Amino acid sequence: MRFSTKITYALRALLCLAQAEKTSVSLATIAKQEKLSAKYLEAIFADLKKAGLVKSVQGARGGYQLAKSPKQISVLMISEAIGELLKAFHCSTKNGKIYCQPQCACGVSLVMNKVDQSIKKTLGKIKLSELIK
């Protein structure tokens, strides 16, 4: 299992908001501080806003704030909000054949499905508040 660039950026950006507490932070500020693509952050924040994890604040001191307490936001919620389901199991293809589909009854898929369930459970327990420096 690997965290994609998208979830890594989302986590880093949300940590910036969590550290700012109730102060609004612009995407430009987050992008500069974290050395991330502002364009990419815009797409990520659209998903986070739609999921109710962030809210936008208008005005001269506008930007984004967390819509919930960092204690209420789990890594699982973030990954689901941006459409990045973290899994140990991935089907692979070789020469047009699919190997180890989740539906098959082989021992490998049974193990991987259990691992995926454990990952989901663990990520649901890790809160943004625990990751704040």
C-alpha atoms as a PDB file:
ATOM      1  CA  MET A   1       0.000   0.000   0.000  1.00  0.00           C
ATOM      2  CA  ARG A   2       1.208   3.478  -0.881  1.00  0.00           C
ATOM      3  CA  PHE A   3      -0.266   6.871  -0.198  1.00  0.00           C
ATOM      4  CA  SER A   4      -0.863   8.627  -3.491  1.00  0.00           C
ATOM      5  CA  THR A   5       0.302  12.170  -4.145  1.00  0.00           C
ATOM      6  CA  LYS A   6      -3.316  13.281  -3.860  1.00  0.00           C
ATOM      7  CA  ILE A   7      -3.844  11.963  -0.330  1.00  0.00           C
ATOM      8  CA  THR A   8      -0.405  13.136   0.774  1.00  0.00           C
ATOM      9  CA  TYR A   9      -1.197  16.669  -0.454  1.00  0.00           C
ATOM     10  CA  ALA A  10      -4.628  16.561   1.187  1.00  0.00           C
ATOM     11  CA  LEU A  11      -3.161  15.505   4.528  1.00  0.00           C
ATOM     12  CA  ARG A  12      -0.427  18.147   4.413  1.00  0.00           C
ATOM     13  CA  ALA A  13      -2.914  20.873   3.495  1.00  0.00           C
ATOM     14  CA  LEU A  14      -5.390  19.873   6.187  1.00  0.00           C
ATOM     15  CA  LEU A  15      -2.608  19.829   8.748  1.00  0.00           C
ATOM     16  CA  CYS A  16      -1.887  23.460   7.798  1.00  0.00           C
ATOM     17  CA  LEU A  17      -5.533  24.311   8.444  1.00  0.00           C
ATOM     18  CA  ALA A  18      -5.546  22.377  11.709  1.00  0.00           C
ATOM     19  CA  GLN A  19      -2.458  24.242  12.922  1.00  0.00           C
ATOM     20  CA  ALA A  20      -4.041  27.584  11.971  1.00  0.00           C
ATOM     21  CA  GLU A  21      -7.024  26.660  14.166  1.00  0.00           C
ATOM     22  CA  LYS A  22      -9.854  29.154  13.501  1.00  0.00           C
ATOM     23  CA  THR A  23      -7.835  31.372  11.136  1.00  0.00           C
ATOM     24  CA  SER A  24      -8.598  31.139   7.417  1.00  0.00           C
ATOM     25  CA  VAL A  25      -5.710  30.093   5.206  1.00  0.00           C
ATOM     26  CA  SER A  26      -5.577  30.666   1.460  1.00  0.00           C
ATOM     27  CA  LEU A  27      -4.644  27.911  -0.944  1.00  0.00           C
ATOM     28  CA  ALA A  28      -1.783  30.098  -2.172  1.00  0.00           C
ATOM     29  CA  THR A  29      -0.400  30.239   1.373  1.00  0.00           C
ATOM     30  CA  ILE A  30      -0.718  26.471   1.813  1.00  0.00           C
ATOM     31  CA  ALA A  31       0.871  25.847  -1.588  1.00  0.00           C
ATOM     32  CA  LYS A  32       3.798  28.129  -0.804  1.00  0.00           C
ATOM     33  CA  GLN A  33       4.307  26.847   2.752  1.00  0.00           C
ATOM     34  CA  GLU A  34       4.129  23.175   1.766  1.00  0.00           C
ATOM     35  CA  LYS A  35       5.708  23.583  -1.692  1.00  0.00           C
ATOM     36  CA  LEU A  36       2.655  22.081  -3.398  1.00  0.00           C
ATOM     37  CA  SER A  37       0.892  22.823  -6.653  1.00  0.00           C
ATOM     38  CA  ALA A  38      -1.851  25.419  -6.072  1.00  0.00           C
ATOM     39  CA  LYS A  39      -3.769  24.096  -9.091  1.00  0.00           C
ATOM     40  CA  TYR A  40      -3.735  20.580  -7.697  1.00  0.00           C
ATOM     41  CA  LEU A  41      -4.821  21.848  -4.272  1.00  0.00           C
ATOM     42  CA  GLU A  42      -7.847  23.547  -5.860  1.00  0.00           C
ATOM     43  CA  ALA A  43      -9.107  20.205  -7.136  1.00  0.00           C
ATOM     44  CA  ILE A  44      -8.437  18.502  -3.810  1.00  0.00           C
ATOM     45  CA  PHE A  45     -10.190  21.249  -1.838  1.00  0.00           C
ATOM     46  CA  ALA A  46     -13.243  21.023  -4.094  1.00  0.00           C
ATOM     47  CA  ASP A  47     -13.594  17.388  -2.985  1.00  0.00           C
ATOM     48  CA  LEU A  48     -12.867  18.193   0.667  1.00  0.00           C
ATOM     49  CA  LYS A  49     -15.459  20.982   0.657  1.00  0.00           C
ATOM     50  CA  LYS A  50     -18.055  18.760  -0.994  1.00  0.00           C
ATOM     51  CA  ALA A  51     -17.451  16.151   1.748  1.00  0.00           C
ATOM     52  CA  GLY A  52     -17.906  18.784   4.460  1.00  0.00           C
ATOM     53  CA  LEU A  53     -14.361  18.619   5.806  1.00  0.00           C
ATOM     54  CA  VAL A  54     -13.442  22.217   4.929  1.00  0.00           C
ATOM     55  CA  LYS A  55     -15.364  25.432   4.465  1.00  0.00           C
ATOM     56  CA  SER A  56     -14.439  28.497   2.483  1.00  0.00           C
ATOM     57  CA  VAL A  57     -14.400  31.962   3.997  1.00  0.00           C
ATOM     58  CA  GLN A  58     -14.963  34.950   1.724  1.00  0.00           C
ATOM     59  CA  GLY A  59     -13.378  38.370   2.061  1.00  0.00           C
ATOM     60  CA  ALA A  60      -9.997  40.023   2.320  1.00  0.00           C
ATOM     61  CA  ARG A  61      -8.851  37.521   4.922  1.00  0.00           C
ATOM     62  CA  GLY A  62     -10.637  34.655   3.242  1.00  0.00           C
ATOM     63  CA  GLY A  63      -9.437  31.194   2.539  1.00  0.00           C
ATOM     64  CA  TYR A  64     -10.272  27.844   4.044  1.00  0.00           C
ATOM     65  CA  GLN A  65     -10.902  26.502   7.515  1.00  0.00           C
ATOM     66  CA  LEU A  66     -11.644  23.052   8.817  1.00  0.00           C
ATOM     67  CA  ALA A  67     -15.398  22.490   8.964  1.00  0.00           C
ATOM     68  CA  LYS A  68     -14.968  20.077  11.888  1.00  0.00           C
ATOM     69  CA  SER A  69     -12.621  19.703  14.797  1.00  0.00           C
ATOM     70  CA  PRO A  70      -9.328  17.937  13.968  1.00  0.00           C
ATOM     71  CA  LYS A  71     -10.410  15.356  16.574  1.00  0.00           C
ATOM     72  CA  GLN A  72     -13.402  14.494  14.363  1.00  0.00           C
ATOM     73  CA  ILE A  73     -11.547  14.118  11.052  1.00  0.00           C
ATOM     74  CA  SER A  74      -9.941  10.744  10.378  1.00  0.00           C
ATOM     75  CA  VAL A  75      -7.441   9.838   7.685  1.00  0.00           C
ATOM     76  CA  LEU A  76     -10.109   7.478   6.330  1.00  0.00           C
ATOM     77  CA  MET A  77     -12.581  10.362   5.979  1.00  0.00           C
ATOM     78  CA  ILE A  78      -9.980  12.357   4.064  1.00  0.00           C
ATOM     79  CA  SER A  79      -9.101   9.497   1.721  1.00  0.00           C
ATOM     80  CA  GLU A  80     -12.778   8.779   1.033  1.00  0.00           C
ATOM     81  CA  ALA A  81     -13.511  12.486   0.464  1.00  0.00           C
ATOM     82  CA  ILE A  82     -10.919  12.743  -2.288  1.00  0.00           C
ATOM     83  CA  GLY A  83     -11.760   9.380  -3.812  1.00  0.00           C
ATOM     84  CA  GLU A  84      -8.567   7.664  -2.751  1.00  0.00           C
ATOM     85  CA  LEU A  85      -9.416   4.383  -1.093  1.00  0.00           C
ATOM     86  CA  LEU A  86      -6.213   3.044   0.400  1.00  0.00           C
ATOM     87  CA  LYS A  87      -5.966  -0.650  -0.235  1.00  0.00           C
ATOM     88  CA  ALA A  88      -3.336  -3.332  -0.104  1.00  0.00           C
ATOM     89  CA  PHE A  89      -5.145  -5.249  -2.815  1.00  0.00           C
ATOM     90  CA  HIS A  90      -4.853  -4.295  -6.463  1.00  0.00           C
ATOM     91  CA  CYS A  91      -5.778  -6.453  -9.419  1.00  0.00           C
ATOM     92  CA  SER A  92      -3.040  -6.823 -11.957  1.00  0.00           C
ATOM     93  CA  THR A  93      -3.146  -7.798 -15.591  1.00  0.00           C
ATOM     94  CA  LYS A  94      -0.578  -9.584 -17.652  1.00  0.00           C
ATOM     95  CA  ASN A  95      -1.045 -10.606 -21.248  1.00  0.00           C
ATOM     96  CA  GLY A  96      -4.746  -9.789 -20.988  1.00  0.00           C
ATOM     97  CA  LYS A  97      -5.335 -12.035 -17.940  1.00  0.00           C
ATOM     98  CA  ILE A  98      -6.482 -10.659 -14.603  1.00  0.00           C
ATOM     99  CA  TYR A  99      -4.736 -12.041 -11.544  1.00  0.00           C
ATOM    100  CA  CYS A 100      -6.331 -12.279  -8.103  1.00  0.00           C
ATOM    101  CA  GLN A 101      -9.597 -10.439  -8.476  1.00  0.00           C
ATOM    102  CA  PRO A 102     -11.253  -9.515  -5.167  1.00  0.00           C
ATOM    103  CA  GLN A 103     -14.189 -11.805  -6.040  1.00  0.00           C
ATOM    104  CA  CYS A 104     -12.093 -14.926  -6.467  1.00  0.00           C
ATOM    105  CA  ALA A 105     -11.860 -17.447  -3.653  1.00  0.00           C
ATOM    106  CA  CYS A 106      -8.106 -17.988  -3.685  1.00  0.00           C
ATOM    107  CA  GLY A 107      -6.158 -17.652  -0.467  1.00  0.00           C
ATOM    108  CA  VAL A 108      -4.343 -14.526  -1.633  1.00  0.00           C
ATOM    109  CA  SER A 109      -7.528 -12.526  -2.138  1.00  0.00           C
ATOM    110  CA  LEU A 110      -8.893 -13.689   1.218  1.00  0.00           C
ATOM    111  CA  VAL A 111      -5.725 -12.450   2.933  1.00  0.00           C
ATOM    112  CA  MET A 112      -5.717  -9.167   1.016  1.00  0.00           C
ATOM    113  CA  ASN A 113      -9.374  -8.505   1.842  1.00  0.00           C
ATOM    114  CA  LYS A 114      -8.606  -8.980   5.551  1.00  0.00           C
ATOM    115  CA  VAL A 115      -5.623  -6.650   5.228  1.00  0.00           C
ATOM    116  CA  ASP A 116      -7.823  -4.056   3.465  1.00  0.00           C
ATOM    117  CA  GLN A 117     -10.369  -4.253   6.281  1.00  0.00           C
ATOM    118  CA  SER A 118      -7.602  -3.718   8.853  1.00  0.00           C
ATOM    119  CA  ILE A 119      -6.244  -0.741   6.915  1.00  0.00           C
ATOM    120  CA  LYS A 120      -9.687   0.853   6.778  1.00  0.00           C
ATOM    121  CA  LYS A 121     -10.250   0.264  10.505  1.00  0.00           C
ATOM    122  CA  THR A 122      -6.838   1.706  11.411  1.00  0.00           C
ATOM    123  CA  LEU A 123      -7.200   4.784   9.171  1.00  0.00           C
ATOM    124  CA  GLY A 124     -10.609   5.413  10.715  1.00  0.00           C
ATOM    125  CA  LYS A 125      -8.961   5.596  14.132  1.00  0.00           C
ATOM    126  CA  ILE A 126      -6.168   8.018  13.175  1.00  0.00           C
ATOM    127  CA  LYS A 127      -7.417  11.570  13.662  1.00  0.00           C
ATOM    128  CA  LEU A 128      -6.007  14.747  12.172  1.00  0.00           C
ATOM    129  CA  SER A 129      -5.427  16.037  15.722  1.00  0.00           C
ATOM    130  CA  GLU A 130      -2.870  13.253  16.300  1.00  0.00           C
ATOM    131  CA  LEU A 131      -0.801  14.394  13.316  1.00  0.00           C
ATOM    132  CA  ILE A 132      -0.429  18.041  14.343  1.00  0.00           C
ATOM    133  CA  LYS A 133       3.143  18.921  15.274  1.00  0.00           C
END
